[in-house]
Amino acid sequence: MRPNHESLSAAVERALAMLEAVAQEPEGLSNAEISRKLQIPKSSASYILRTLEKQAYLNRDPETGRYRVGLKILSLSRGALTGIDVREVALPIMRNLTHKTGLTCHLAILDGPDAVYIEKVEPEGFIRMDTWVGRRMRVHATSVGKALVAHIAPERLEKILSERGMEKRTPKTITTVPRLMKELEKVRAQGYAVDDEENNMGARCVGAPVFNQSGVIEAAIGLSGTINQVNAHTMPRILEALKDAARHISMQLGYRAPHRRASSA
């Protein structure tokens, strides 16, 4: 009997959706939660989950019954990230930046319609940002997202916004295109972007663009902290360190900023 290609395709799509759903939850998800979240029959979810567990893509906690991402996923992510030289270049600079500021540092790239964290450095201490490598972020509501899309072609940005929309993440989220465009003009002019509790209440982030040898946006580097850590008093020092770090990463990627001609008197 020949396999039903449509049913095989649906099973693969469900398996991938399950992996993505579990990866978004640090505490993991149970069979019932996955079934409810993805609107998949519990029996079908159970079969796929057992297969993913058997292949080590998921681990199941025997006490809670919750599934978490397995270590085998790391081997896939390492393969995907191998060719991204910006990570290797940025990591020591990110560590220094976190040491200087005491803030969590992220490196993000634009992948399809989302900003995706590809590296993270945390400071010592008790304050931890609920973020992780591989997390996908909305570009209109995050500092790294704004820093990335401020430097792409207008038609590409238009496609992203039409595909993803502008979800209201908090009362402070920018949700209209005209307002976002005005914000991105500011980002280009000042060389950095700010997320002022626009993605999470109580958190304030700043991001700066990283350019490659061709002068094309390659990534964005960001600093995240609480509104008490990133405030009017600390912001100038934080921004100076951030922009300096972004310049150093860009230069190591071969970027040379265009010289501005001095105006004649």
C-alpha atoms as a PDB file:
ATOM      1  CA  MET A   1       0.000   0.000   0.000  1.00  0.00           C
ATOM      2  CA  ARG A   2       1.442   3.333  -1.081  1.00  0.00           C
ATOM      3  CA  PRO A   3       1.752   6.023   1.594  1.00  0.00           C
ATOM      4  CA  ASN A   4      -0.633   8.975   1.550  1.00  0.00           C
ATOM      5  CA  HIS A   5       1.690  11.898   0.773  1.00  0.00           C
ATOM      6  CA  GLU A   6      -0.761  14.466   2.166  1.00  0.00           C
ATOM      7  CA  SER A   7      -0.971  12.665   5.518  1.00  0.00           C
ATOM      8  CA  LEU A   8       2.825  12.324   5.650  1.00  0.00           C
ATOM      9  CA  SER A   9       3.195  16.036   4.953  1.00  0.00           C
ATOM     10  CA  ALA A  10       0.663  16.877   7.680  1.00  0.00           C
ATOM     11  CA  ALA A  11       2.554  14.700  10.177  1.00  0.00           C
ATOM     12  CA  VAL A  12       5.837  16.434   9.376  1.00  0.00           C
ATOM     13  CA  GLU A  13       4.221  19.857   9.738  1.00  0.00           C
ATOM     14  CA  ARG A  14       2.747  18.825  13.091  1.00  0.00           C
ATOM     15  CA  ALA A  15       6.100  17.518  14.329  1.00  0.00           C
ATOM     16  CA  LEU A  16       7.837  20.770  13.390  1.00  0.00           C
ATOM     17  CA  ALA A  17       5.063  22.841  14.984  1.00  0.00           C
ATOM     18  CA  MET A  18       5.471  20.818  18.190  1.00  0.00           C
ATOM     19  CA  LEU A  19       9.225  21.396  18.274  1.00  0.00           C
ATOM     20  CA  GLU A  20       8.717  25.127  17.786  1.00  0.00           C
ATOM     21  CA  ALA A  21       6.014  25.285  20.478  1.00  0.00           C
ATOM     22  CA  VAL A  22       8.148  23.428  23.032  1.00  0.00           C
ATOM     23  CA  ALA A  23      11.208  25.549  22.174  1.00  0.00           C
ATOM     24  CA  GLN A  24       9.244  28.707  23.042  1.00  0.00           C
ATOM     25  CA  GLU A  25       8.493  27.475  26.575  1.00  0.00           C
ATOM     26  CA  PRO A  26      11.456  27.287  29.009  1.00  0.00           C
ATOM     27  CA  GLU A  27       9.375  25.156  31.422  1.00  0.00           C
ATOM     28  CA  GLY A  28       8.294  22.784  28.661  1.00  0.00           C
ATOM     29  CA  LEU A  29       4.812  21.645  27.648  1.00  0.00           C
ATOM     30  CA  SER A  30       2.709  18.596  28.428  1.00  0.00           C
ATOM     31  CA  ASN A  31       0.960  16.452  25.806  1.00  0.00           C
ATOM     32  CA  ALA A  32      -2.379  18.027  26.727  1.00  0.00           C
ATOM     33  CA  GLU A  33      -0.965  21.575  26.482  1.00  0.00           C
ATOM     34  CA  ILE A  34       0.611  20.883  23.088  1.00  0.00           C
ATOM     35  CA  SER A  35      -2.604  19.300  21.836  1.00  0.00           C
ATOM     36  CA  ARG A  36      -4.644  22.294  22.996  1.00  0.00           C
ATOM     37  CA  LYS A  37      -2.147  24.912  21.804  1.00  0.00           C
ATOM     38  CA  LEU A  38      -1.793  23.456  18.292  1.00  0.00           C
ATOM     39  CA  GLN A  39      -5.356  22.077  18.048  1.00  0.00           C
ATOM     40  CA  ILE A  40      -4.089  18.550  17.376  1.00  0.00           C
ATOM     41  CA  PRO A  41      -5.911  15.421  18.641  1.00  0.00           C
ATOM     42  CA  LYS A  42      -4.248  14.214  21.817  1.00  0.00           C
ATOM     43  CA  SER A  43      -3.708  10.706  20.398  1.00  0.00           C
ATOM     44  CA  SER A  44      -1.947  12.089  17.297  1.00  0.00           C
ATOM     45  CA  ALA A  45       0.169  14.436  19.412  1.00  0.00           C
ATOM     46  CA  SER A  46       1.138  11.559  21.691  1.00  0.00           C
ATOM     47  CA  TYR A  47       2.347   9.430  18.774  1.00  0.00           C
ATOM     48  CA  ILE A  48       4.486  12.231  17.307  1.00  0.00           C
ATOM     49  CA  LEU A  49       5.860  13.203  20.730  1.00  0.00           C
ATOM     50  CA  ARG A  50       6.960   9.631  21.433  1.00  0.00           C
ATOM     51  CA  THR A  51       8.756   9.555  18.075  1.00  0.00           C
ATOM     52  CA  LEU A  52      10.526  12.859  18.724  1.00  0.00           C
ATOM     53  CA  GLU A  53      11.497  11.648  22.188  1.00  0.00           C
ATOM     54  CA  LYS A  54      12.828   8.366  20.808  1.00  0.00           C
ATOM     55  CA  GLN A  55      14.992  10.295  18.322  1.00  0.00           C
ATOM     56  CA  ALA A  56      16.247  12.588  21.152  1.00  0.00           C
ATOM     57  CA  TYR A  57      14.766  15.767  19.692  1.00  0.00           C
ATOM     58  CA  LEU A  58      12.599  16.086  22.809  1.00  0.00           C
ATOM     59  CA  ASN A  59      13.081  15.009  26.423  1.00  0.00           C
ATOM     60  CA  ARG A  60      10.174  14.128  28.726  1.00  0.00           C
ATOM     61  CA  ASP A  61      10.347  14.835  32.437  1.00  0.00           C
ATOM     62  CA  PRO A  62       9.122  11.631  34.107  1.00  0.00           C
ATOM     63  CA  GLU A  63       7.733  13.544  37.107  1.00  0.00           C
ATOM     64  CA  THR A  64       5.849  16.360  35.389  1.00  0.00           C
ATOM     65  CA  GLY A  65       5.272  14.731  31.999  1.00  0.00           C
ATOM     66  CA  ARG A  66       6.438  17.930  30.313  1.00  0.00           C
ATOM     67  CA  TYR A  67       8.476  17.862  27.147  1.00  0.00           C
ATOM     68  CA  ARG A  68      11.549  20.036  26.630  1.00  0.00           C
ATOM     69  CA  VAL A  69      13.885  20.416  23.666  1.00  0.00           C
ATOM     70  CA  GLY A  70      16.525  17.656  23.572  1.00  0.00           C
ATOM     71  CA  LEU A  71      20.249  18.079  23.138  1.00  0.00           C
ATOM     72  CA  LYS A  72      20.091  16.701  19.599  1.00  0.00           C
ATOM     73  CA  ILE A  73      18.576  20.006  18.517  1.00  0.00           C
ATOM     74  CA  LEU A  74      21.868  21.688  19.435  1.00  0.00           C
ATOM     75  CA  SER A  75      23.710  19.697  16.784  1.00  0.00           C
ATOM     76  CA  LEU A  76      21.287  21.047  14.175  1.00  0.00           C
ATOM     77  CA  SER A  77      21.601  24.625  15.424  1.00  0.00           C
ATOM     78  CA  ARG A  78      25.391  24.398  15.408  1.00  0.00           C
ATOM     79  CA  GLY A  79      25.279  23.348  11.773  1.00  0.00           C
ATOM     80  CA  ALA A  80      22.978  26.222  10.873  1.00  0.00           C
ATOM     81  CA  LEU A  81      25.133  28.776  12.680  1.00  0.00           C
ATOM     82  CA  THR A  82      28.512  27.534  11.455  1.00  0.00           C
ATOM     83  CA  GLY A  83      28.599  29.846   8.455  1.00  0.00           C
ATOM     84  CA  ILE A  84      27.579  32.968  10.355  1.00  0.00           C
ATOM     85  CA  ASP A  85      30.972  34.558  10.938  1.00  0.00           C
ATOM     86  CA  VAL A  86      29.437  37.522  12.700  1.00  0.00           C
ATOM     87  CA  ARG A  87      28.878  35.388  15.819  1.00  0.00           C
ATOM     88  CA  GLU A  88      32.554  34.516  16.127  1.00  0.00           C
ATOM     89  CA  VAL A  89      33.561  38.131  15.600  1.00  0.00           C
ATOM     90  CA  ALA A  90      30.922  39.557  17.928  1.00  0.00           C
ATOM     91  CA  LEU A  91      31.169  37.225  20.916  1.00  0.00           C
ATOM     92  CA  PRO A  92      34.298  38.670  22.609  1.00  0.00           C
ATOM     93  CA  ILE A  93      33.008  42.203  22.016  1.00  0.00           C
ATOM     94  CA  MET A  94      29.626  41.217  23.471  1.00  0.00           C
ATOM     95  CA  ARG A  95      31.305  39.787  26.582  1.00  0.00           C
ATOM     96  CA  ASN A  96      33.226  43.019  27.078  1.00  0.00           C
ATOM     97  CA  LEU A  97      30.063  45.064  26.541  1.00  0.00           C
ATOM     98  CA  THR A  98      28.144  43.051  29.148  1.00  0.00           C
ATOM     99  CA  HIS A  99      31.055  43.403  31.588  1.00  0.00           C
ATOM    100  CA  LYS A 100      31.078  47.184  31.075  1.00  0.00           C
ATOM    101  CA  THR A 101      27.334  47.752  31.365  1.00  0.00           C
ATOM    102  CA  GLY A 102      26.061  44.904  33.536  1.00  0.00           C
ATOM    103  CA  LEU A 103      23.313  44.286  30.964  1.00  0.00           C
ATOM    104  CA  THR A 104      22.330  41.260  28.899  1.00  0.00           C
ATOM    105  CA  CYS A 105      23.733  41.461  25.364  1.00  0.00           C
ATOM    106  CA  HIS A 106      22.071  39.922  22.302  1.00  0.00           C
ATOM    107  CA  LEU A 107      23.119  39.510  18.696  1.00  0.00           C
ATOM    108  CA  ALA A 108      20.264  39.204  16.200  1.00  0.00           C
ATOM    109  CA  ILE A 109      19.808  38.707  12.487  1.00  0.00           C
ATOM    110  CA  LEU A 110      16.803  39.168  10.214  1.00  0.00           C
ATOM    111  CA  ASP A 111      15.395  35.783   9.230  1.00  0.00           C
ATOM    112  CA  GLY A 112      12.314  36.090   7.049  1.00  0.00           C
ATOM    113  CA  PRO A 113       9.940  38.472   8.848  1.00  0.00           C
ATOM    114  CA  ASP A 114      11.512  38.101  12.301  1.00  0.00           C
ATOM    115  CA  ALA A 115      14.553  39.219  14.253  1.00  0.00           C
ATOM    116  CA  VAL A 116      16.217  36.084  15.636  1.00  0.00           C
ATOM    117  CA  TYR A 117      18.718  35.958  18.479  1.00  0.00           C
ATOM    118  CA  ILE A 118      21.839  34.055  17.395  1.00  0.00           C
ATOM    119  CA  GLU A 119      24.007  34.837  20.433  1.00  0.00           C
ATOM    120  CA  LYS A 120      23.489  35.950  24.025  1.00  0.00           C
ATOM    121  CA  VAL A 121      25.769  36.987  26.883  1.00  0.00           C
ATOM    122  CA  GLU A 122      24.384  37.391  30.409  1.00  0.00           C
ATOM    123  CA  PRO A 123      25.912  39.393  33.264  1.00  0.00           C
ATOM    124  CA  GLU A 124      26.658  37.929  36.663  1.00  0.00           C
ATOM    125  CA  GLY A 125      23.956  38.509  39.225  1.00  0.00           C
ATOM    126  CA  PHE A 126      20.342  37.699  39.902  1.00  0.00           C
ATOM    127  CA  ILE A 127      18.603  39.622  37.116  1.00  0.00           C
ATOM    128  CA  ARG A 128      18.063  37.403  34.072  1.00  0.00           C
ATOM    129  CA  MET A 129      16.291  38.241  30.814  1.00  0.00           C
ATOM    130  CA  ASP A 130      13.772  35.625  29.657  1.00  0.00           C
ATOM    131  CA  THR A 131      15.462  35.276  26.270  1.00  0.00           C
ATOM    132  CA  TRP A 132      17.366  32.556  24.473  1.00  0.00           C
ATOM    133  CA  VAL A 133      19.353  31.863  21.310  1.00  0.00           C
ATOM    134  CA  GLY A 134      16.874  31.043  18.566  1.00  0.00           C
ATOM    135  CA  ARG A 135      14.082  33.216  19.930  1.00  0.00           C
ATOM    136  CA  ARG A 136      12.122  34.960  17.189  1.00  0.00           C
ATOM    137  CA  MET A 137      11.149  38.566  17.833  1.00  0.00           C
ATOM    138  CA  ARG A 138       8.752  41.009  16.173  1.00  0.00           C
ATOM    139  CA  VAL A 139      10.734  43.710  14.371  1.00  0.00           C
ATOM    140  CA  HIS A 140       8.365  46.589  15.192  1.00  0.00           C
ATOM    141  CA  ALA A 141       8.475  46.038  18.948  1.00  0.00           C
ATOM    142  CA  THR A 142      12.163  45.362  19.655  1.00  0.00           C
ATOM    143  CA  SER A 143      15.298  47.484  19.524  1.00  0.00           C
ATOM    144  CA  VAL A 144      17.300  44.915  17.512  1.00  0.00           C
ATOM    145  CA  GLY A 145      14.343  44.481  15.178  1.00  0.00           C
ATOM    146  CA  LYS A 146      14.115  48.205  14.512  1.00  0.00           C
ATOM    147  CA  ALA A 147      17.885  48.457  14.039  1.00  0.00           C
ATOM    148  CA  LEU A 148      17.715  45.689  11.432  1.00  0.00           C
ATOM    149  CA  VAL A 149      14.718  46.865   9.381  1.00  0.00           C
ATOM    150  CA  ALA A 150      15.784  50.527   9.447  1.00  0.00           C
ATOM    151  CA  HIS A 151      18.431  49.532   6.913  1.00  0.00           C
ATOM    152  CA  ILE A 152      16.559  47.262   4.487  1.00  0.00           C
ATOM    153  CA  ALA A 153      14.732  48.092   1.256  1.00  0.00           C
ATOM    154  CA  PRO A 154      11.258  49.651   1.782  1.00  0.00           C
ATOM    155  CA  GLU A 155       9.579  46.912  -0.258  1.00  0.00           C
ATOM    156  CA  ARG A 156      11.092  44.228   1.973  1.00  0.00           C
ATOM    157  CA  LEU A 157       9.874  46.019   5.092  1.00  0.00           C
ATOM    158  CA  GLU A 158       6.419  46.392   3.552  1.00  0.00           C
ATOM    159  CA  LYS A 159       6.318  42.639   2.912  1.00  0.00           C
ATOM    160  CA  ILE A 160       7.361  41.891   6.501  1.00  0.00           C
ATOM    161  CA  LEU A 161       4.670  44.131   7.964  1.00  0.00           C
ATOM    162  CA  SER A 162       1.970  42.732   5.693  1.00  0.00           C
ATOM    163  CA  GLU A 163       2.991  39.188   6.579  1.00  0.00           C
ATOM    164  CA  ARG A 164       3.447  39.605  10.338  1.00  0.00           C
ATOM    165  CA  GLY A 165       1.287  42.596  11.162  1.00  0.00           C
ATOM    166  CA  MET A 166       2.029  44.908  14.088  1.00  0.00           C
ATOM    167  CA  GLU A 167       0.839  43.113  17.196  1.00  0.00           C
ATOM    168  CA  LYS A 168       0.237  45.281  20.264  1.00  0.00           C
ATOM    169  CA  ARG A 169       2.641  43.639  22.716  1.00  0.00           C
ATOM    170  CA  THR A 170       2.224  46.262  25.448  1.00  0.00           C
ATOM    171  CA  PRO A 171       0.401  49.613  25.764  1.00  0.00           C
ATOM    172  CA  LYS A 172       3.598  51.250  24.467  1.00  0.00           C
ATOM    173  CA  THR A 173       4.003  49.166  21.270  1.00  0.00           C
ATOM    174  CA  ILE A 174       4.092  51.047  17.978  1.00  0.00           C
ATOM    175  CA  THR A 175       1.146  49.663  15.970  1.00  0.00           C
ATOM    176  CA  THR A 176       0.821  51.971  12.952  1.00  0.00           C
ATOM    177  CA  VAL A 177       3.004  52.076   9.851  1.00  0.00           C
ATOM    178  CA  PRO A 178       3.403  55.906   9.759  1.00  0.00           C
ATOM    179  CA  ARG A 179       4.620  55.916  13.368  1.00  0.00           C
ATOM    180  CA  LEU A 180       7.026  53.070  12.714  1.00  0.00           C
ATOM    181  CA  MET A 181       8.435  54.802   9.629  1.00  0.00           C
ATOM    182  CA  LYS A 182       9.049  57.954  11.647  1.00  0.00           C
ATOM    183  CA  GLU A 183      10.768  55.841  14.319  1.00  0.00           C
ATOM    184  CA  LEU A 184      13.007  54.137  11.745  1.00  0.00           C
ATOM    185  CA  GLU A 185      14.052  57.534  10.338  1.00  0.00           C
ATOM    186  CA  LYS A 186      15.178  58.414  13.856  1.00  0.00           C
ATOM    187  CA  VAL A 187      17.064  55.103  14.129  1.00  0.00           C
ATOM    188  CA  ARG A 188      18.997  55.823  10.918  1.00  0.00           C
ATOM    189  CA  ALA A 189      19.802  59.366  12.020  1.00  0.00           C
ATOM    190  CA  GLN A 190      21.015  58.558  15.538  1.00  0.00           C
ATOM    191  CA  GLY A 191      22.573  55.138  14.852  1.00  0.00           C
ATOM    192  CA  TYR A 192      20.607  53.195  17.459  1.00  0.00           C
ATOM    193  CA  ALA A 193      17.097  52.015  18.306  1.00  0.00           C
ATOM    194  CA  VAL A 194      15.204  51.955  21.596  1.00  0.00           C
ATOM    195  CA  ASP A 195      12.549  49.551  22.854  1.00  0.00           C
ATOM    196  CA  ASP A 196      10.963  51.466  25.728  1.00  0.00           C
ATOM    197  CA  GLU A 197       8.746  48.749  27.299  1.00  0.00           C
ATOM    198  CA  GLU A 198       7.336  48.073  23.825  1.00  0.00           C
ATOM    199  CA  ASN A 199       7.843  44.305  23.890  1.00  0.00           C
ATOM    200  CA  ASN A 200       7.734  43.641  27.655  1.00  0.00           C
ATOM    201  CA  MET A 201       6.611  45.973  30.420  1.00  0.00           C
ATOM    202  CA  GLY A 202       9.433  46.702  32.851  1.00  0.00           C
ATOM    203  CA  ALA A 203      12.158  46.066  30.266  1.00  0.00           C
ATOM    204  CA  ARG A 204      14.066  48.668  28.262  1.00  0.00           C
ATOM    205  CA  CYS A 205      16.434  47.726  25.418  1.00  0.00           C
ATOM    206  CA  VAL A 206      18.712  49.486  22.956  1.00  0.00           C
ATOM    207  CA  GLY A 207      20.052  48.130  19.680  1.00  0.00           C
ATOM    208  CA  ALA A 208      22.568  49.194  17.018  1.00  0.00           C
ATOM    209  CA  PRO A 209      23.148  47.960  13.459  1.00  0.00           C
ATOM    210  CA  VAL A 210      26.138  45.888  12.334  1.00  0.00           C
ATOM    211  CA  PHE A 211      27.215  46.204   8.686  1.00  0.00           C
ATOM    212  CA  ASN A 212      29.274  43.864   6.507  1.00  0.00           C
ATOM    213  CA  GLN A 213      32.045  44.554   4.001  1.00  0.00           C
ATOM    214  CA  SER A 214      29.506  45.566   1.340  1.00  0.00           C
ATOM    215  CA  GLY A 215      27.831  48.080   3.634  1.00  0.00           C
ATOM    216  CA  VAL A 216      24.744  45.866   3.943  1.00  0.00           C
ATOM    217  CA  ILE A 217      23.049  45.276   7.284  1.00  0.00           C
ATOM    218  CA  GLU A 218      24.401  42.013   8.694  1.00  0.00           C
ATOM    219  CA  ALA A 219      23.063  41.913  12.255  1.00  0.00           C
ATOM    220  CA  ALA A 220      22.086  44.040  15.224  1.00  0.00           C
ATOM    221  CA  ILE A 221      23.629  44.078  18.671  1.00  0.00           C
ATOM    222  CA  GLY A 222      21.436  44.930  21.626  1.00  0.00           C
ATOM    223  CA  LEU A 223      21.521  45.524  25.372  1.00  0.00           C
ATOM    224  CA  SER A 224      18.562  44.616  27.568  1.00  0.00           C
ATOM    225  CA  GLY A 225      17.775  45.473  31.168  1.00  0.00           C
ATOM    226  CA  THR A 226      15.087  46.638  33.510  1.00  0.00           C
ATOM    227  CA  ILE A 227      13.735  50.183  33.384  1.00  0.00           C
ATOM    228  CA  ASN A 228      15.710  50.840  36.560  1.00  0.00           C
ATOM    229  CA  GLN A 229      18.955  49.687  34.934  1.00  0.00           C
ATOM    230  CA  VAL A 230      18.389  51.563  31.669  1.00  0.00           C
ATOM    231  CA  ASN A 231      17.215  55.042  32.583  1.00  0.00           C
ATOM    232  CA  ALA A 232      17.842  58.691  31.748  1.00  0.00           C
ATOM    233  CA  HIS A 233      20.942  58.733  33.939  1.00  0.00           C
ATOM    234  CA  THR A 234      22.593  55.561  32.572  1.00  0.00           C
ATOM    235  CA  MET A 235      21.405  55.783  28.951  1.00  0.00           C
ATOM    236  CA  PRO A 236      24.214  58.038  27.571  1.00  0.00           C
ATOM    237  CA  ARG A 237      26.950  55.718  28.878  1.00  0.00           C
ATOM    238  CA  ILE A 238      25.090  52.608  27.672  1.00  0.00           C
ATOM    239  CA  LEU A 239      24.530  54.031  24.190  1.00  0.00           C
ATOM    240  CA  GLU A 240      28.139  55.114  23.833  1.00  0.00           C
ATOM    241  CA  ALA A 241      29.338  51.596  24.715  1.00  0.00           C
ATOM    242  CA  LEU A 242      26.751  49.966  22.440  1.00  0.00           C
ATOM    243  CA  LYS A 243      27.540  52.069  19.378  1.00  0.00           C
ATOM    244  CA  ASP A 244      31.266  51.580  19.918  1.00  0.00           C
ATOM    245  CA  ALA A 245      30.745  47.791  20.061  1.00  0.00           C
ATOM    246  CA  ALA A 246      28.641  47.833  16.889  1.00  0.00           C
ATOM    247  CA  ARG A 247      31.348  49.853  15.091  1.00  0.00           C
ATOM    248  CA  HIS A 248      34.058  47.407  16.147  1.00  0.00           C
ATOM    249  CA  ILE A 249      32.083  44.370  14.966  1.00  0.00           C
ATOM    250  CA  SER A 250      31.307  46.071  11.647  1.00  0.00           C
ATOM    251  CA  MET A 251      34.966  47.009  11.120  1.00  0.00           C
ATOM    252  CA  GLN A 252      36.072  43.441  11.810  1.00  0.00           C
ATOM    253  CA  LEU A 253      33.584  42.292   9.166  1.00  0.00           C
ATOM    254  CA  GLY A 254      35.312  44.624   6.708  1.00  0.00           C
ATOM    255  CA  TYR A 255      32.913  47.562   6.853  1.00  0.00           C
ATOM    256  CA  ARG A 256      34.330  51.021   6.331  1.00  0.00           C
ATOM    257  CA  ALA A 257      32.009  53.920   7.060  1.00  0.00           C
ATOM    258  CA  PRO A 258      31.785  56.445   4.221  1.00  0.00           C
ATOM    259  CA  HIS A 259      33.742  59.628   4.850  1.00  0.00           C
ATOM    260  CA  ARG A 260      31.684  62.772   5.120  1.00  0.00           C
ATOM    261  CA  ARG A 261      32.937  65.791   3.240  1.00  0.00           C
ATOM    262  CA  ALA A 262      33.563  68.844   5.370  1.00  0.00           C
ATOM    263  CA  SER A 263      31.301  71.708   4.406  1.00  0.00           C
ATOM    264  CA  SER A 264      33.103  74.742   3.009  1.00  0.00           C
ATOM    265  CA  ALA A 265      32.736  78.012   4.848  1.00  0.00           C
END
